C-alpha atoms as a PDB file:
ATOM      1  CA  MET A   1       0.030  -0.017  -0.068  1.00  0.00           C
ATOM      2  CA  GLN A   2       1.346   3.489  -0.880  1.00  0.00           C
ATOM      3  CA  SER A   3       0.176   6.414   0.938  1.00  0.00           C
ATOM      4  CA  ALA A   4      -1.814   9.084  -0.944  1.00  0.00           C
ATOM      5  CA  PRO A   5      -0.068  12.357  -1.323  1.00  0.00           C
ATOM      6  CA  GLY A   6      -0.251  14.459   1.876  1.00  0.00           C
ATOM      7  CA  CYS A   7      -1.271  11.420   3.923  1.00  0.00           C
ATOM      8  CA  LEU A   8       0.481  10.647   7.299  1.00  0.00           C
ATOM      9  CA  ILE A   9       0.073   6.964   7.241  1.00  0.00           C
ATOM     10  CA  ASP A  10       2.462   5.148   4.980  1.00  0.00           C
ATOM     11  CA  ALA A  11       2.572   1.387   4.455  1.00  0.00           C
ATOM     12  CA  GLU A  12       5.178   0.858   7.188  1.00  0.00           C
ATOM     13  CA  LEU A  13       3.046   2.850   9.869  1.00  0.00           C
ATOM     14  CA  ALA A  14      -0.093   1.048   8.650  1.00  0.00           C
ATOM     15  CA  GLY A  15       1.407  -2.365   9.269  1.00  0.00           C
ATOM     16  CA  PHE A  16       2.433  -1.161  12.829  1.00  0.00           C
ATOM     17  CA  LEU A  17      -1.067   0.372  13.593  1.00  0.00           C
ATOM     18  CA  GLU A  18      -2.843  -2.969  12.460  1.00  0.00           C
ATOM     19  CA  SER A  19      -0.416  -5.104  14.480  1.00  0.00           C
ATOM     20  CA  PRO A  20      -1.159  -6.366  17.983  1.00  0.00           C
ATOM     21  CA  VAL A  21      -0.332  -3.110  19.780  1.00  0.00           C
ATOM     22  CA  MET A  22      -1.951  -1.673  22.815  1.00  0.00           C
ATOM     23  CA  ILE A  23      -4.438   0.958  21.507  1.00  0.00           C
ATOM     24  CA  ILE A  24      -5.332   3.889  23.972  1.00  0.00           C
ATOM     25  CA  VAL A  25      -8.042   6.252  22.756  1.00  0.00           C
ATOM     26  CA  GLY A  26      -8.168   9.758  24.027  1.00  0.00           C
ATOM     27  CA  THR A  27     -10.948  12.219  23.625  1.00  0.00           C
ATOM     28  CA  GLY A  28     -11.921  15.362  25.365  1.00  0.00           C
ATOM     29  CA  LEU A  29     -14.858  17.781  25.811  1.00  0.00           C
ATOM     30  CA  GLY A  30     -14.880  21.099  27.754  1.00  0.00           C
ATOM     31  CA  GLY A  31     -11.571  20.322  29.140  1.00  0.00           C
ATOM     32  CA  VAL A  32     -12.539  16.961  30.444  1.00  0.00           C
ATOM     33  CA  PRO A  33     -10.209  14.187  29.106  1.00  0.00           C
ATOM     34  CA  GLU A  34     -11.564  10.531  28.603  1.00  0.00           C
ATOM     35  CA  ILE A  35      -9.692   7.592  27.681  1.00  0.00           C
ATOM     36  CA  GLY A  36     -10.659   3.983  26.524  1.00  0.00           C
ATOM     37  CA  ARG A  37      -8.992   1.140  24.580  1.00  0.00           C
ATOM     38  CA  GLY A  38      -9.341   0.328  20.967  1.00  0.00           C
ATOM     39  CA  LEU A  39     -10.047  -3.335  19.717  1.00  0.00           C
ATOM     40  CA  GLY A  40      -8.223  -3.155  16.442  1.00  0.00           C
ATOM     41  CA  ALA A  41      -7.520  -0.739  13.701  1.00  0.00           C
ATOM     42  CA  LEU A  42      -7.649  -0.979  10.083  1.00  0.00           C
ATOM     43  CA  VAL A  43      -6.103   1.573   7.596  1.00  0.00           C
ATOM     44  CA  GLU A  44      -7.874   2.470   4.482  1.00  0.00           C
ATOM     45  CA  ALA A  45      -5.920   1.917   1.194  1.00  0.00           C
ATOM     46  CA  GLY A  46      -3.750   4.895   0.553  1.00  0.00           C
ATOM     47  CA  GLY A  47      -3.650   5.798   4.236  1.00  0.00           C
ATOM     48  CA  ALA A  48      -6.171   8.654   4.036  1.00  0.00           C
ATOM     49  CA  ALA A  49      -8.320   7.146   6.882  1.00  0.00           C
ATOM     50  CA  LEU A  50      -8.073   5.043   9.818  1.00  0.00           C
ATOM     51  CA  HIS A  51     -10.869   2.852  11.242  1.00  0.00           C
ATOM     52  CA  LEU A  52     -10.787   2.160  14.893  1.00  0.00           C
ATOM     53  CA  VAL A  53     -12.978  -0.523  16.735  1.00  0.00           C
ATOM     54  CA  VAL A  54     -14.135   0.483  20.264  1.00  0.00           C
ATOM     55  CA  SER A  55     -16.566  -1.064  22.721  1.00  0.00           C
ATOM     56  CA  ALA A  56     -19.309   1.729  23.216  1.00  0.00           C
ATOM     57  CA  TRP A  57     -20.560  -0.405  26.209  1.00  0.00           C
ATOM     58  CA  GLN A  58     -17.085  -0.354  27.984  1.00  0.00           C
ATOM     59  CA  TRP A  59     -16.123   3.129  26.905  1.00  0.00           C
ATOM     60  CA  PRO A  60     -19.317   5.137  26.577  1.00  0.00           C
ATOM     61  CA  ARG A  61     -17.859   8.461  27.485  1.00  0.00           C
ATOM     62  CA  THR A  62     -14.912   8.066  25.159  1.00  0.00           C
ATOM     63  CA  VAL A  63     -17.265   7.352  22.211  1.00  0.00           C
ATOM     64  CA  SER A  64     -19.776  10.132  23.135  1.00  0.00           C
ATOM     65  CA  GLN A  65     -16.970  12.739  23.465  1.00  0.00           C
ATOM     66  CA  ALA A  66     -15.500  11.491  20.025  1.00  0.00           C
ATOM     67  CA  ARG A  67     -18.898  12.053  18.542  1.00  0.00           C
ATOM     68  CA  GLU A  68     -19.582  15.440  20.136  1.00  0.00           C
ATOM     69  CA  SER A  69     -16.056  16.908  19.802  1.00  0.00           C
ATOM     70  CA  GLY A  70     -14.938  15.256  16.629  1.00  0.00           C
ATOM     71  CA  THR A  71     -11.339  15.159  17.763  1.00  0.00           C
ATOM     72  CA  ILE A  72      -9.369  12.152  18.822  1.00  0.00           C
ATOM     73  CA  ALA A  73      -5.746  11.058  19.793  1.00  0.00           C
ATOM     74  CA  ILE A  74      -4.879   7.476  19.614  1.00  0.00           C
ATOM     75  CA  THR A  75      -1.774   5.940  20.943  1.00  0.00           C
ATOM     76  CA  PHE A  76      -0.472   2.652  19.570  1.00  0.00           C
ATOM     77  CA  ALA A  77       2.222   0.997  21.776  1.00  0.00           C
ATOM     78  CA  ARG A  78       3.958  -2.282  21.099  1.00  0.00           C
ATOM     79  CA  PRO A  79       4.158  -4.004  24.465  1.00  0.00           C
ATOM     80  CA  THR A  80       7.217  -6.046  23.710  1.00  0.00           C
ATOM     81  CA  ASP A  81       9.469  -3.077  23.202  1.00  0.00           C
ATOM     82  CA  TYR A  82       7.487   0.074  23.784  1.00  0.00           C
ATOM     83  CA  VAL A  83       7.760   1.338  20.152  1.00  0.00           C
ATOM     84  CA  THR A  84       4.921   3.778  20.228  1.00  0.00           C
ATOM     85  CA  TYR A  85       3.138   6.202  17.818  1.00  0.00           C
ATOM     86  CA  GLN A  86       0.269   8.650  18.365  1.00  0.00           C
ATOM     87  CA  VAL A  87      -2.161   9.670  15.641  1.00  0.00           C
ATOM     88  CA  LYS A  88      -4.362  12.618  16.095  1.00  0.00           C
ATOM     89  CA  GLY A  89      -7.369  13.384  13.856  1.00  0.00           C
ATOM     90  CA  GLN A  90     -10.852  14.201  13.120  1.00  0.00           C
ATOM     91  CA  VAL A  91     -13.657  11.662  13.587  1.00  0.00           C
ATOM     92  CA  GLU A  92     -15.785  11.732  10.488  1.00  0.00           C
ATOM     93  CA  TRP A  93     -18.229   9.081  11.545  1.00  0.00           C
ATOM     94  CA  ILE A  94     -19.267   6.431  14.200  1.00  0.00           C
ATOM     95  CA  GLY A  95     -21.294   3.629  13.290  1.00  0.00           C
ATOM     96  CA  PRO A  96     -21.835  -0.121  12.987  1.00  0.00           C
ATOM     97  CA  LEU A  97     -18.823  -2.460  12.058  1.00  0.00           C
ATOM     98  CA  THR A  98     -18.451  -3.784   8.585  1.00  0.00           C
ATOM     99  CA  PRO A  99     -17.656  -7.504   8.215  1.00  0.00           C
ATOM    100  CA  ALA A 100     -14.016  -6.606   7.603  1.00  0.00           C
ATOM    101  CA  LEU A 101     -13.948  -4.638  10.879  1.00  0.00           C
ATOM    102  CA  HIS A 102     -15.583  -7.562  12.731  1.00  0.00           C
ATOM    103  CA  ALA A 103     -12.937  -9.917  11.519  1.00  0.00           C
ATOM    104  CA  ARG A 104     -10.262  -7.328  12.291  1.00  0.00           C
ATOM    105  CA  ALA A 105     -11.571  -6.993  15.963  1.00  0.00           C
ATOM    106  CA  ALA A 106     -11.667 -10.733  16.451  1.00  0.00           C
ATOM    107  CA  ARG A 107      -8.123 -11.226  14.932  1.00  0.00           C
ATOM    108  CA  TYR A 108      -6.808  -8.343  17.060  1.00  0.00           C
ATOM    109  CA  ALA A 109      -8.258  -9.597  20.242  1.00  0.00           C
ATOM    110  CA  ALA A 110      -6.740 -13.097  19.699  1.00  0.00           C
ATOM    111  CA  GLU A 111      -3.285 -11.565  18.668  1.00  0.00           C
ATOM    112  CA  ILE A 112      -2.982  -9.085  21.527  1.00  0.00           C
ATOM    113  CA  ALA A 113      -3.974 -11.687  24.044  1.00  0.00           C
ATOM    114  CA  GLU A 114      -1.305 -13.987  22.801  1.00  0.00           C
ATOM    115  CA  VAL A 115       1.340 -11.242  22.856  1.00  0.00           C
ATOM    116  CA  LEU A 116       0.408 -10.184  26.376  1.00  0.00           C
ATOM    117  CA  ALA A 117       0.299 -13.774  27.546  1.00  0.00           C
ATOM    118  CA  GLY A 118       3.852 -14.084  26.290  1.00  0.00           C
ATOM    119  CA  LEU A 119       4.747 -11.280  28.578  1.00  0.00           C
ATOM    120  CA  GLY A 120       3.188 -12.992  31.634  1.00  0.00           C
ATOM    121  CA  MET A 121      -0.352 -11.453  31.632  1.00  0.00           C
ATOM    122  CA  SER A 122      -2.929 -14.048  31.656  1.00  0.00           C
ATOM    123  CA  PRO A 123      -5.795 -13.935  29.109  1.00  0.00           C
ATOM    124  CA  GLU A 124      -8.195 -13.631  32.173  1.00  0.00           C
ATOM    125  CA  LEU A 125      -6.354 -10.654  33.452  1.00  0.00           C
ATOM    126  CA  THR A 126      -6.405  -8.897  29.932  1.00  0.00           C
ATOM    127  CA  ALA A 127     -10.093  -9.980  29.019  1.00  0.00           C
ATOM    128  CA  PRO A 128     -11.575  -6.712  30.031  1.00  0.00           C
ATOM    129  CA  TRP A 129      -9.405  -4.916  27.582  1.00  0.00           C
ATOM    130  CA  ARG A 130     -10.800  -7.056  24.836  1.00  0.00           C
ATOM    131  CA  SER A 131     -14.558  -6.640  25.296  1.00  0.00           C
ATOM    132  CA  LYS A 132     -16.514  -7.333  22.071  1.00  0.00           C
ATOM    133  CA  ARG A 133     -19.729  -5.870  23.592  1.00  0.00           C
ATOM    134  CA  ASP A 134     -21.508  -3.117  21.565  1.00  0.00           C
ATOM    135  CA  LEU A 135     -18.549  -2.524  19.239  1.00  0.00           C
ATOM    136  CA  VAL A 136     -18.580   0.491  16.966  1.00  0.00           C
ATOM    137  CA  ALA A 137     -16.292   1.812  14.224  1.00  0.00           C
ATOM    138  CA  LEU A 138     -14.817   5.238  14.254  1.00  0.00           C
ATOM    139  CA  ARG A 139     -13.646   6.432  10.815  1.00  0.00           C
ATOM    140  CA  ILE A 140     -10.844   8.981  11.590  1.00  0.00           C
ATOM    141  CA  ARG A 141      -9.077  11.368   9.148  1.00  0.00           C
ATOM    142  CA  PRO A 142      -5.430  11.608  10.433  1.00  0.00           C
ATOM    143  CA  GLN A 143      -4.170  15.068  10.912  1.00  0.00           C
ATOM    144  CA  GLN A 144      -1.032  14.640  12.856  1.00  0.00           C
ATOM    145  CA  ALA A 145       1.222  11.775  13.834  1.00  0.00           C
ATOM    146  CA  PHE A 146       4.043  11.515  16.361  1.00  0.00           C
ATOM    147  CA  VAL A 147       6.752   9.192  17.423  1.00  0.00           C
ATOM    148  CA  GLN A 148       6.126   8.517  21.083  1.00  0.00           C
ATOM    149  CA  THR A 149       8.633   5.743  21.690  1.00  0.00           C
ATOM    150  CA  PRO A 150      10.587   6.596  24.873  1.00  0.00           C
ATOM    151  CA  GLY A 151      13.872   8.314  23.960  1.00  0.00           C
ATOM    152  CA  PRO A 152      15.256  11.443  22.313  1.00  0.00           C
ATOM    153  CA  ARG A 153      12.672  11.453  19.367  1.00  0.00           C
ATOM    154  CA  ALA A 154       9.506  11.223  21.534  1.00  0.00           C
ATOM    155  CA  GLY A 155       7.069  13.798  20.688  1.00  0.00           C
ATOM    156  CA  HIS A 156       8.594  14.596  17.148  1.00  0.00           C
ATOM    157  CA  ALA A 157       6.224  14.721  14.288  1.00  0.00           C
ATOM    158  CA  LEU A 158       6.457  11.610  12.305  1.00  0.00           C
ATOM    159  CA  ALA A 159       7.518  13.592   9.294  1.00  0.00           C
ATOM    160  CA  GLU A 160      10.615  14.602  11.337  1.00  0.00           C
ATOM    161  CA  ARG A 161      11.471  10.969  11.860  1.00  0.00           C
ATOM    162  CA  THR A 162      14.940   9.945  10.472  1.00  0.00           C
ATOM    163  CA  GLY A 163      16.156   6.451   9.634  1.00  0.00           C
END
């Protein structure tokens, strides 16, 4: 997949975002922040949009604030080495999952459970993070992307990333 001109998500970043990484979703309304967890991401061909799966049952305020404010920040962190990226953008719509997003959420839940189990976290412990109840899809148009891996590049815009 090549990214469309001006898009922040290239094929390498898309592969990372779609891999078994921890997904922390941040929204805010009236200066009140809210967080939740994502249950998988899928990048549209060309990288112009990102689809995120979230349990509206488990994270109702996060979804509500995303709907009301239209802004969102999503942090993707690989638990094995803490390589981390953050994508900020505009929520274009929130709605039911497509069959592809249902499959993505199921695959993600299994993959992240396996990764975390390999790090000593039992599936029973991480089950609340993988709730499949009342799943919704958020379509997000990325506006900014940042390297957030701990170290000297943390906080730099992705376009500033070097080798």
